[in-house]
Protein backbone atom coordinates (compact mmCIF):
# COMPACT_ATOMS: atom_id res chain seq x y z
CA MET A 1 138.73 -130.35 -38.80
CA THR A 2 140.37 -128.27 -36.04
CA LEU A 3 141.94 -130.11 -33.27
CA VAL A 4 141.26 -128.76 -29.75
CA PRO A 5 144.34 -129.12 -27.53
CA LEU A 6 143.66 -131.20 -24.40
CA GLU A 7 143.88 -129.22 -21.13
CA ARG A 8 146.73 -130.43 -19.04
CA PHE A 9 146.38 -130.46 -15.18
CA THR A 10 149.42 -130.25 -12.96
CA VAL A 11 149.77 -131.66 -9.43
CA ALA A 12 149.27 -128.08 -8.17
CA ASP A 13 146.01 -127.87 -10.07
CA THR A 14 144.73 -131.02 -8.39
CA VAL A 15 145.84 -129.93 -4.97
CA ALA A 16 144.21 -126.58 -5.40
CA GLU A 17 141.08 -128.07 -6.48
CA SER A 18 141.02 -130.44 -3.51
CA LEU A 19 141.87 -127.67 -1.02
CA ARG A 20 139.26 -125.33 -2.62
CA ASP A 21 136.46 -127.95 -2.14
CA GLU A 22 137.53 -128.50 1.53
CA ILE A 23 137.55 -124.77 2.21
CA LEU A 24 134.19 -124.10 0.46
CA GLY A 25 132.74 -127.23 2.10
CA GLY A 26 133.53 -125.89 5.66
CA SER A 27 136.44 -128.35 6.46
CA TYR A 28 138.65 -125.21 6.92
CA PRO A 29 136.63 -122.58 8.96
CA PRO A 30 137.60 -118.96 8.47
CA GLY A 31 140.80 -118.18 10.31
CA THR A 32 142.25 -121.71 10.04
CA ALA A 33 146.04 -121.66 9.34
CA VAL A 34 147.13 -123.60 6.19
CA SER A 35 150.73 -124.35 5.56
CA ASP A 36 152.61 -125.85 2.65
CA SER A 37 154.20 -128.45 5.01
CA GLU A 38 150.86 -129.54 6.19
CA VAL A 39 149.44 -129.91 2.73
CA GLN A 40 152.57 -131.72 1.60
CA THR A 41 152.40 -134.28 4.50
CA ARG A 42 148.60 -134.80 4.37
CA LEU A 43 148.20 -135.07 0.62
CA GLY A 44 151.64 -136.61 -0.19
CA VAL A 45 152.73 -134.11 -2.79
CA PRO A 46 156.00 -132.22 -3.40
CA ARG A 47 156.35 -129.15 -1.32
CA ASP A 48 156.76 -126.89 -4.33
CA GLN A 49 153.42 -128.17 -5.75
CA ALA A 50 151.80 -127.57 -2.34
CA ARG A 51 153.15 -124.05 -2.24
CA ALA A 52 151.95 -123.44 -5.86
CA ALA A 53 148.49 -124.61 -5.00
CA LEU A 54 148.27 -122.35 -1.93
CA GLY A 55 149.53 -119.46 -3.93
CA ARG A 56 146.56 -120.03 -6.38
CA LEU A 57 144.09 -120.02 -3.57
CA GLU A 58 145.55 -116.83 -2.28
CA ARG A 59 145.18 -115.16 -5.59
CA GLU A 60 141.53 -116.33 -5.59
CA GLY A 61 140.99 -114.64 -2.22
CA LEU A 62 140.25 -117.83 -0.30
CA LEU A 63 143.51 -117.57 1.68
CA VAL A 64 145.21 -114.47 3.02
CA HIS A 65 148.54 -113.78 4.89
CA SER A 66 148.33 -113.20 8.48
CA LEU A 67 151.03 -111.41 10.27
CA HIS A 68 152.04 -114.14 12.76
CA ARG A 69 150.33 -117.23 11.30
CA GLY A 70 151.20 -117.23 7.67
CA LEU A 71 148.51 -118.28 5.27
CA GLU A 72 144.98 -118.74 6.66
CA VAL A 73 141.36 -119.01 5.35
CA VAL A 74 140.06 -115.58 4.89
CA ARG A 75 137.93 -114.22 7.63
CA LEU A 76 135.04 -111.90 6.48
CA SER A 77 134.00 -108.98 8.65
CA VAL A 78 130.66 -107.28 8.72
CA GLU A 79 132.11 -104.64 6.48
CA ASP A 80 133.41 -107.25 4.06
CA VAL A 81 129.86 -108.81 3.78
CA ARG A 82 128.19 -105.54 3.15
CA ASP A 83 130.80 -104.63 0.50
CA LEU A 84 130.33 -108.06 -1.15
CA TYR A 85 126.58 -107.57 -1.37
CA ALA A 86 126.89 -104.05 -2.63
CA THR A 87 129.10 -105.57 -5.48
CA ARG A 88 126.46 -108.26 -6.02
CA ARG A 89 123.71 -105.70 -6.36
CA THR A 90 125.56 -103.79 -8.98
CA LEU A 91 126.58 -106.84 -11.04
CA GLU A 92 123.22 -108.64 -10.79
CA LEU A 93 121.17 -105.65 -11.67
CA ALA A 94 123.39 -105.21 -14.73
CA GLY A 95 122.63 -108.80 -15.71
CA LEU A 96 118.95 -108.36 -15.06
CA GLU A 97 118.73 -105.44 -17.42
CA ALA A 98 120.15 -107.56 -20.23
CA MET A 99 117.81 -110.39 -19.24
CA VAL A 100 114.61 -108.44 -19.46
CA ARG A 101 115.59 -107.09 -22.90
CA ARG A 102 115.65 -110.56 -24.47
CA ARG A 103 112.33 -111.81 -23.05
CA PRO A 104 110.17 -113.84 -23.27
CA ALA A 105 112.65 -116.75 -23.53
CA ASP A 106 113.42 -119.01 -20.51
CA ASP A 107 116.89 -118.98 -19.28
CA VAL A 108 118.45 -122.52 -19.53
CA TRP A 109 121.32 -121.67 -17.13
CA LEU A 110 118.95 -120.40 -14.46
CA GLN A 111 116.78 -123.48 -14.84
CA ALA A 112 119.85 -125.76 -14.74
CA ALA A 113 121.03 -124.15 -11.49
CA LEU A 114 117.52 -124.41 -9.92
CA THR A 115 117.32 -128.03 -10.89
CA SER A 116 120.66 -128.72 -9.21
CA MET A 117 119.44 -126.77 -6.08
CA THR A 118 116.25 -128.83 -5.91
CA ASP A 119 118.12 -132.11 -6.27
CA ALA A 120 120.49 -130.98 -3.49
CA ALA A 121 117.56 -130.11 -1.25
CA LYS A 122 115.99 -133.51 -1.73
CA SER A 123 119.35 -135.22 -0.84
CA GLY A 124 120.08 -132.83 2.07
CA ASN A 125 123.37 -131.85 0.44
CA ALA A 126 124.06 -128.39 1.69
CA ARG A 127 127.35 -127.98 -0.05
CA ALA A 128 125.81 -128.62 -3.44
CA ALA A 129 122.97 -126.34 -2.72
CA VAL A 130 125.24 -123.46 -1.87
CA ALA A 131 127.15 -124.20 -5.10
CA ALA A 132 123.90 -124.22 -7.07
CA ASP A 133 122.90 -120.91 -5.47
CA ALA A 134 126.13 -119.36 -6.70
CA ALA A 135 125.57 -120.80 -10.16
CA PHE A 136 122.09 -119.34 -10.25
CA HIS A 137 123.34 -115.85 -9.55
CA LEU A 138 126.33 -116.10 -11.79
CA ALA A 139 123.75 -116.93 -14.56
CA ILE A 140 122.09 -113.60 -13.88
CA VAL A 141 125.31 -111.69 -14.15
CA ALA A 142 126.34 -113.68 -17.30
CA SER A 143 123.28 -112.31 -19.07
CA ALA A 144 125.14 -109.00 -19.35
CA GLY A 145 127.65 -110.73 -21.75
CA SER A 146 130.76 -109.32 -19.94
CA ARG A 147 133.55 -111.61 -19.02
CA ARG A 148 134.90 -109.03 -16.54
CA LEU A 149 131.60 -108.72 -14.73
CA ARG A 150 131.27 -112.46 -14.53
CA THR A 151 134.87 -112.75 -13.20
CA THR A 152 134.14 -110.18 -10.47
CA ALA A 153 130.94 -111.92 -9.52
CA GLU A 154 132.67 -115.30 -9.19
CA ALA A 155 135.19 -113.84 -6.83
CA ALA A 156 132.46 -112.22 -4.71
CA LEU A 157 130.36 -115.30 -4.44
CA ARG A 158 133.52 -117.46 -3.71
CA GLU A 159 134.15 -115.40 -0.59
CA LEU A 160 130.48 -115.52 0.42
CA ARG A 161 130.43 -119.30 0.08
CA ILE A 162 132.95 -119.53 2.95
CA VAL A 163 130.40 -117.72 5.19
CA LEU A 164 127.64 -119.92 4.04
CA ALA A 165 129.62 -123.12 4.49
CA VAL A 166 129.93 -122.54 8.31
CA ALA A 167 126.29 -121.72 8.70
CA GLU A 168 124.88 -124.74 10.46
CA ARG A 169 121.27 -123.64 9.83
CA VAL A 170 121.76 -123.90 6.01
CA ALA A 171 121.24 -127.61 6.06
CA SER A 172 117.69 -127.23 7.54
CA ASP A 173 116.73 -124.48 5.01
CA LEU A 174 117.47 -126.37 1.72
CA ASP A 175 113.84 -126.76 0.61
CA GLU A 176 113.10 -123.09 1.43
CA LEU A 177 116.29 -122.09 -0.44
CA ALA A 178 115.16 -123.92 -3.59
CA ALA A 179 111.56 -122.62 -3.37
CA ASP A 180 112.85 -119.01 -2.87
CA HIS A 181 115.01 -119.26 -6.04
CA ALA A 182 112.04 -120.83 -8.04
CA GLY A 183 110.03 -117.87 -7.21
CA LEU A 184 112.85 -115.48 -7.97
CA MET A 185 113.38 -117.11 -11.37
CA ASP A 186 109.81 -116.65 -12.26
CA ALA A 187 109.91 -112.98 -11.40
CA LEU A 188 113.14 -112.49 -13.39
CA ILE A 189 111.72 -114.05 -16.47
CA TYR A 190 108.09 -113.16 -16.49
CA ALA A 191 107.34 -110.28 -14.14
CA PRO A 192 107.34 -106.71 -15.39
CA PRO A 193 110.86 -105.16 -15.21
CA PRO A 194 110.20 -103.02 -12.07
CA SER A 195 108.77 -106.08 -10.34
CA ALA A 196 111.71 -108.20 -11.44
CA ARG A 197 114.17 -105.67 -10.08
CA ALA A 198 112.26 -105.37 -6.75
CA ALA A 199 112.17 -109.19 -6.37
CA LEU A 200 115.99 -109.46 -7.02
CA LEU A 201 116.77 -106.68 -4.57
CA ASP A 202 114.60 -108.15 -1.91
CA HIS A 203 116.20 -111.64 -2.41
CA LEU A 204 119.73 -110.10 -2.02
CA ARG A 205 118.61 -108.07 0.99
CA ARG A 206 117.51 -111.11 2.76
CA GLY A 207 120.68 -113.06 1.75
CA GLU A 208 122.75 -110.25 3.20
CA SER A 209 120.88 -110.30 6.53
CA ARG A 210 121.51 -114.09 6.85
CA ALA A 211 125.14 -113.66 5.93
CA LEU A 212 125.57 -110.85 8.46
CA ALA A 213 124.00 -112.95 11.13
CA VAL A 214 126.56 -115.69 10.43
CA THR A 215 129.31 -113.18 10.54
CA HIS A 216 128.22 -111.70 13.80
CA GLY A 217 128.10 -115.18 15.23
CA ALA A 218 131.48 -116.29 14.11
């Protein structure tokens, strides 16, 4: 029997996870300054661990250095949103090509994400719904079987979740969000490849329009 080593979590890991959840949940809107001293005081952790946690979030692209303010939550411009969606189209179409080749099997990961989204809609949990939305689209990319494509997709979706987290109207659209993804899943799994491709592109086009509206209004 092979023993699997237990994963060890440091204080910095715990702090980074907490801050990541707060940022993606909208507690830190884009442009909010975040300092190691503030994190140290608020969370009661050593300053070096607070600094390490912030460095991790900076590497993930959630925090960026501002000239006069130090670290702050990344702001997405209109150009950023367009670039992120161009990246998503490339990655998700690559995943779709692999998905349609292995038909007619259902995709367990798509279904799991859709179930989470539906549950979040019923409970009115916008944050969980946005996370399930990201998981759904990561499942599409994962169909390509490439770790690098998945890692790139994770980074792009992480940035977009900041935009979605500050969109107040998301909370009132959760049922529509779940229904939209249910229809998309059916198209991806059962529709002819050209129709599946068209459904995915239309879905991403509408998502880009919503994200751009939020960015314009920020």
